[in-house]
Amino acid sequence: MKNLQKIVIIDDEMVLRNGLKYLCDWEAHGFTIAGEASNGIEGFQLIQEIRPDIVITDIVMPGMDGISLTAQIKEHFPNIHIIVLSSYDNFAYAKSSFKLGIADYLLKPELEAADLLHLLEKLSRTSGLDDFKSSASQFFQEILTFCSLEEEEYLEEFNDRGIHFKEKIPYTLMAAPYQGTIPVHRLLPAVTNLSLELFPACPCISCVTSQGYLCILLQAVSATELPSHARLTEFTVQLERKLENSFLFACMPVFSVLSNLSQVYGEMCGLLSYGFYFPEKTLLFPEDVHKCELAFPDTSFSNCLDPLRLDDARNLVYNYLSNAEAQAGMDVFTLKKQVENAIYRLIQTLADASFPTDEINSKKVMYFKKMDVSADCNSLRQVLSETFAELEDIVRKGTQEREGNLFYKIEEYIRLNCEQELKLYDLAKQFHLNYTYLSTLFYQNTEEHFSDYLNRMRVEKAKGLLRTENNSIQCISEKCGFINQGYFSKIFKKFTGCSPKEYQKLYHKSR
């Protein structure tokens, strides 16, 4: 009797476990359901007892989830094949289990008997063989991050796996973040088939790395017959159409030895981060990116905080983002952190000015996470738009609630006491206000700094005295709070266009 491959099913949903058990005639296909468990802890105990060939496990389970279970299995039973089941909600989480060595993942909503059987039969051909070699894709994935063989050994390893690369012929490496839902056992053959269509004479291998990148290694026909940029672009466009999935591939300059593969892959991952500036591209080359630094306008931004001018602060942040987008070469991580720091400073300024910031403080981590994961400049602008809308709402509501007739009272106090040595700090203390809030309040109502506003009020008082009194300029300047007559004359001319003496003469002459 034929030996049956033993399968263990681990899932906390009984309906799904039963569905898998009765999905098909397992024995007719060479398998048997040897056991089932409802959580990772029970599942691992069962695996220790049964020693199955294949484990089918859910990701989200009580006690021990699928990721932790996978790690335990691979540590104690590295030859057991693991298939992960995932819903759409935890799809990205499921893909992270590739770095632990799972064979593949399947989406529960799209689970079909034909797909599962195809994968199981593929795995059964390698189970239990002492001389088991990883597949070409698995070997490719391994050497992308660690290369320690001689060139001849790389070629021999690929040749043993059916990929016939030639010595000293250039390679092209392409990589793209993969966010699709097509399982790897269907994805990679689709890539291979399209490669055979467009590059029939070029050996090709692909894989999905533990970092979530779809990588494609293509060897040229000869040292002089390299795939053109146009042909590679056509390949990516057709792949998008075939898989119904958007891609941004990075493509590095050709290289001729596989021992350089991990270095090229590292450089490619760095290049992909600049895809933030190229949302419309499907293929990104190093020459598309001109790396540069762009300093944040810190001094101008600080001037927008005291007094607070939220519109100006917003315009500075948006202009900074637009300049970075136009140059398309600034480190994306640095750009996002500069923007996040600007938002943090705005929130802190509002808090210092006693605006109600509890709600936005509870949300700022969410906003910063959205900024961190924003895929392009437009996505970042959208998050900034949401953030500034909330900041504007805080200022508007806070001002309405607290202002009332407060500013009128402050203006009246200054008008009646402008001859005294008034300081904004003392005024804030007089009206029991935060200094920064009062500074902001003045600018919002007058578009002037406090010192300019006070001088204007003093000049208005001086104009009245110059019209009605024949006292000396020195006497009038002292009555209006100016100790130095020369400074008084300078300020008076700034606001009126003439000196105090000229104003006095003009008025008395007209009388």
Foldseek 3Di string as FASTA:
>chain_A
DQAAAEEEEEALDPVVVVCVQVQDDRVVLRHHHPYYYNALVVRVVVCVVPVGQEYEYEADGPPAGPLRSLLVCCVPPVRRAYEYEYEPVCVVVVLLSVVSPHPKYAYPVPDHPVVVSVSVVVSVVQHPDPPGDDALQVVVQVVLAPDDDDQVVVQVSNVVRPFHDDAQFWKKKKKWQDPDRDMFVVLFVVLVVLCCVLPVQWGKGWYQYSVRMIMIMITANGNVGDQDPVSVQVSLVVSCVVRVHAIAMEIEDIDGGSSCNNVVSVVRVQQLQLCQLVVPGNYHYPVVEDADADDQPVVQLVVCLQQPDLVSNLVSLVVSLVVCSVNSHYRLVVNLVVSLVSLVVLLVSCVLQVFPNPVVVVCSVVLSVQSVPQSYSVSNVVSVVVSSVVSVVSVVVRCVVPPVPVVVVLVVVLLVVLLDPDDLVVSCVVVVGRSNNSQNVCCVVPVDGPVLVSLVSLLVQLLVCLLPDPDDLCVSCNSSNHNDSVVNQVSNCVVVVHGSVVSSCVNVVVD
